[in-house]
């Protein structure tokens, strides 16, 4: 701790007063982002989530290989996104995003951003972090930044792996959009705006 001087309220003489921080302490230098990132990358849940996201394109490629070409079902002549999955690597990546967007891509965000503080409390390591001279706002900010970064990495990992797997399995080509469904509405009467 360092000391400063300030006037005494009763006598008016200057007296030494201890400050609340140690000399050389700067809150901005505590808990760098690389430390939190290293801690999160070593967690088993991070590795498992990365493995699941990297494995999904392989599972879908095997499913398409075993099940045959998509579009052979009861849909008639209507073509949807699943029917274009084997057209090119880009289509295969789009199908992977479509399949995983409803649930699987939400889980990494919840896991990396929502569970970081709760898991620290569950593992009994949060009390050591709170006892360290790290401001709580800095602790939460670093956890949020690392959580959002890992969530973004998870969102990028899936389409990149899917593009590589799809290109290897179905070749490189532009993304083909499924044709629009024919309109069932009657055309407007002629002469009306």
Protein backbone atom coordinates (compact mmCIF):
# COMPACT_ATOMS: atom_id res chain seq x y z
CA UNK A 1 0.00 0.00 0.00
CA UNK A 2 1.16 3.48 -0.68
CA UNK A 3 0.60 6.51 1.50
CA UNK A 4 -0.41 10.06 0.78
CA UNK A 5 -0.88 13.04 3.05
CA UNK A 6 -4.02 15.00 3.69
CA UNK A 7 -5.12 17.47 6.33
CA UNK A 8 -6.57 16.13 9.58
CA UNK A 9 -10.19 17.24 10.08
CA UNK A 10 -9.69 18.14 13.74
CA UNK A 11 -6.19 19.64 13.92
CA UNK A 12 -5.60 20.79 10.36
CA UNK A 13 -2.12 19.22 10.35
CA UNK A 14 -1.17 16.96 7.45
CA UNK A 15 -1.12 13.30 8.35
CA UNK A 16 -0.14 10.25 6.30
CA UNK A 17 -3.09 8.29 4.95
CA UNK A 18 -2.92 4.83 3.38
CA UNK A 19 -4.46 4.54 -0.04
CA UNK A 20 -6.65 1.61 -1.05
CA UNK A 21 -4.36 0.31 -3.77
CA UNK A 22 -0.88 -1.09 -3.69
CA UNK A 23 1.85 0.78 -5.46
CA UNK A 24 2.15 -0.33 -9.07
CA UNK A 25 -1.36 -1.84 -9.11
CA UNK A 26 -3.39 -1.07 -12.21
CA UNK A 27 -6.79 -2.68 -12.67
CA UNK A 28 -6.44 -2.67 -16.45
CA UNK A 29 -3.46 -5.02 -16.23
CA UNK A 30 -5.28 -7.68 -14.19
CA UNK A 31 -6.74 -10.80 -15.80
CA UNK A 32 -5.71 -10.28 -19.43
CA UNK A 33 -8.02 -11.72 -22.07
CA UNK A 34 -5.45 -14.32 -23.09
CA UNK A 35 -5.61 -15.82 -19.57
CA UNK A 36 -9.39 -16.17 -19.70
CA UNK A 37 -9.22 -17.48 -23.29
CA UNK A 38 -6.65 -20.09 -22.30
CA UNK A 39 -8.79 -21.15 -19.35
CA UNK A 40 -11.89 -21.50 -21.53
CA UNK A 41 -10.06 -23.37 -24.30
CA UNK A 42 -8.81 -25.93 -21.79
CA UNK A 43 -12.31 -26.69 -20.52
CA UNK A 44 -13.73 -30.05 -21.55
CA UNK A 45 -17.07 -28.49 -22.53
CA UNK A 46 -15.33 -26.20 -25.05
CA UNK A 47 -13.52 -29.11 -26.64
CA UNK A 48 -16.68 -31.25 -26.76
CA UNK A 49 -18.70 -28.43 -28.35
CA UNK A 50 -16.01 -27.90 -30.98
CA UNK A 51 -15.92 -31.62 -31.72
CA UNK A 52 -19.72 -31.78 -32.10
CA UNK A 53 -19.78 -28.80 -34.46
CA UNK A 54 -16.91 -30.23 -36.50
CA UNK A 55 -18.52 -33.69 -36.66
CA UNK A 56 -21.98 -32.57 -37.87
CA UNK A 57 -20.95 -32.11 -41.54
CA UNK A 58 -19.46 -35.61 -41.58
CA UNK A 59 -22.65 -37.06 -40.09
CA UNK A 60 -24.79 -35.31 -42.70
CA UNK A 61 -22.49 -36.40 -45.55
CA UNK A 62 -22.75 -40.01 -44.36
CA UNK A 63 -26.54 -39.65 -44.04
CA UNK A 64 -26.78 -38.38 -47.63
CA UNK A 65 -24.52 -41.19 -48.84
CA UNK A 66 -26.57 -43.88 -47.08
CA UNK A 67 -29.99 -42.36 -47.76
CA UNK A 68 -29.36 -41.58 -51.40
CA UNK A 69 -30.04 -38.32 -53.14
CA UNK A 70 -32.28 -35.89 -51.28
CA UNK A 71 -35.64 -35.05 -52.81
CA UNK A 72 -36.83 -38.57 -53.46
CA UNK A 73 -39.58 -38.29 -50.83
CA UNK A 74 -43.25 -37.45 -50.99
CA UNK A 75 -42.70 -33.77 -51.81
CA UNK A 76 -43.67 -34.22 -55.44
CA UNK A 77 -42.01 -31.77 -57.78
CA UNK A 78 -41.46 -29.11 -55.13
CA UNK A 79 -37.74 -28.53 -54.46
CA UNK A 80 -36.49 -27.23 -51.11
CA UNK A 81 -33.08 -26.44 -49.63
CA UNK A 82 -32.49 -30.06 -48.53
CA UNK A 83 -32.93 -31.20 -52.13
CA UNK A 84 -30.04 -29.00 -53.26
CA UNK A 85 -27.63 -30.20 -50.53
CA UNK A 86 -25.60 -32.40 -52.84
CA UNK A 87 -25.39 -29.86 -55.67
CA UNK A 88 -22.12 -28.34 -54.41
CA UNK A 89 -20.00 -27.70 -51.35
CA UNK A 90 -21.65 -24.30 -50.86
CA UNK A 91 -25.11 -25.86 -50.85
CA UNK A 92 -23.95 -28.51 -48.40
CA UNK A 93 -22.65 -25.75 -46.06
CA UNK A 94 -25.98 -23.92 -46.32
CA UNK A 95 -27.87 -27.11 -45.45
CA UNK A 96 -25.62 -27.61 -42.42
CA UNK A 97 -26.44 -24.12 -41.21
CA UNK A 98 -30.13 -24.73 -41.84
CA UNK A 99 -30.10 -28.01 -39.91
CA UNK A 100 -28.20 -26.61 -36.94
CA UNK A 101 -29.64 -23.10 -36.68
CA UNK A 102 -32.73 -24.07 -34.72
CA UNK A 103 -30.94 -25.58 -31.75
CA UNK A 104 -27.32 -26.55 -32.18
CA UNK A 105 -25.92 -23.07 -32.86
CA UNK A 106 -27.80 -21.63 -29.88
CA UNK A 107 -26.07 -24.00 -27.47
CA UNK A 108 -22.51 -22.61 -27.90
CA UNK A 109 -23.70 -19.07 -27.22
CA UNK A 110 -25.55 -20.18 -24.10
CA UNK A 111 -22.62 -22.31 -23.03
CA UNK A 112 -19.86 -19.78 -23.62
CA UNK A 113 -21.69 -16.61 -22.57
CA UNK A 114 -24.27 -17.76 -20.07
CA UNK A 115 -22.55 -20.53 -18.21
CA UNK A 116 -19.10 -19.07 -17.57
CA UNK A 117 -19.80 -17.44 -14.20
CA UNK A 118 -22.19 -20.17 -13.07
CA UNK A 119 -19.69 -22.90 -13.89
CA UNK A 120 -16.93 -21.03 -12.03
CA UNK A 121 -19.20 -20.94 -8.99
CA UNK A 122 -20.01 -24.63 -9.40
CA UNK A 123 -16.33 -25.57 -9.65
CA UNK A 124 -15.54 -23.45 -6.56
CA UNK A 125 -12.98 -21.41 -8.47
CA UNK A 126 -15.06 -18.22 -8.52
CA UNK A 127 -14.26 -17.41 -4.89
CA UNK A 128 -10.54 -17.43 -5.72
CA UNK A 129 -11.14 -15.10 -8.65
CA UNK A 130 -13.20 -12.76 -6.48
CA UNK A 131 -10.54 -12.80 -3.75
CA UNK A 132 -7.86 -11.79 -6.24
CA UNK A 133 -7.33 -8.08 -6.80
CA UNK A 134 -9.34 -8.15 -10.03
CA UNK A 135 -12.23 -5.70 -10.29
CA UNK A 136 -15.49 -7.55 -10.74
CA UNK A 137 -16.43 -5.49 -13.76
CA UNK A 138 -13.12 -6.46 -15.38
CA UNK A 139 -13.73 -10.13 -14.53
CA UNK A 140 -17.22 -10.12 -16.05
CA UNK A 141 -16.08 -8.09 -19.07
CA UNK A 142 -13.26 -10.51 -19.87
CA UNK A 143 -15.62 -13.48 -19.52
CA UNK A 144 -18.15 -11.82 -21.83
CA UNK A 145 -15.57 -10.89 -24.50
CA UNK A 146 -14.05 -14.38 -24.47
CA UNK A 147 -17.52 -15.97 -24.49
CA UNK A 148 -18.63 -13.92 -27.48
CA UNK A 149 -15.36 -14.65 -29.27
CA UNK A 150 -15.73 -18.39 -28.72
CA UNK A 151 -19.37 -18.22 -29.84
CA UNK A 152 -18.31 -16.47 -33.03
CA UNK A 153 -15.60 -19.08 -33.57
CA UNK A 154 -18.22 -21.82 -33.17
CA UNK A 155 -20.49 -20.09 -35.68
CA UNK A 156 -17.64 -19.91 -38.18
CA UNK A 157 -16.30 -23.43 -37.52
CA UNK A 158 -19.44 -25.24 -38.66
CA UNK A 159 -19.80 -23.65 -42.13
CA UNK A 160 -16.06 -23.86 -42.81
CA UNK A 161 -15.90 -27.56 -41.99
CA UNK A 162 -19.16 -28.12 -43.91
CA UNK A 163 -17.77 -26.29 -46.93
CA UNK A 164 -14.61 -28.42 -46.85
CA UNK A 165 -16.55 -31.68 -46.43
CA UNK A 166 -19.16 -30.69 -49.04
CA UNK A 167 -16.51 -29.67 -51.54
CA UNK A 168 -14.66 -32.95 -51.04
CA UNK A 169 -17.86 -34.98 -51.35
CA UNK A 170 -19.85 -33.06 -53.98
CA UNK A 171 -17.35 -30.79 -55.70
CA UNK A 172 -16.89 -27.07 -55.84
CA UNK A 173 -19.60 -24.98 -57.39
CA UNK A 174 -21.71 -21.92 -56.81
CA UNK A 175 -24.55 -21.94 -54.36
CA UNK A 176 -27.78 -22.97 -56.06
CA UNK A 177 -30.95 -21.58 -54.63
CA UNK A 178 -34.01 -23.81 -54.71
CA UNK A 179 -36.56 -22.48 -57.17
CA UNK A 180 -39.34 -20.41 -55.68
CA UNK A 181 -42.61 -22.21 -55.12
CA UNK A 182 -45.32 -21.25 -57.57
CA UNK A 183 -47.77 -18.72 -56.23
CA UNK A 184 -51.20 -20.01 -55.29
CA UNK A 185 -52.75 -16.55 -55.34
CA UNK A 186 -54.84 -15.51 -58.29
CA UNK A 187 -53.36 -12.74 -60.42
CA UNK A 188 -54.91 -9.30 -59.93
CA UNK A 189 -57.63 -8.36 -62.36
CA UNK A 190 -56.35 -6.48 -65.37
CA UNK A 191 -56.67 -2.73 -65.27
CA UNK A 192 -56.43 -2.48 -61.45
CA UNK A 193 -53.55 -0.89 -59.67
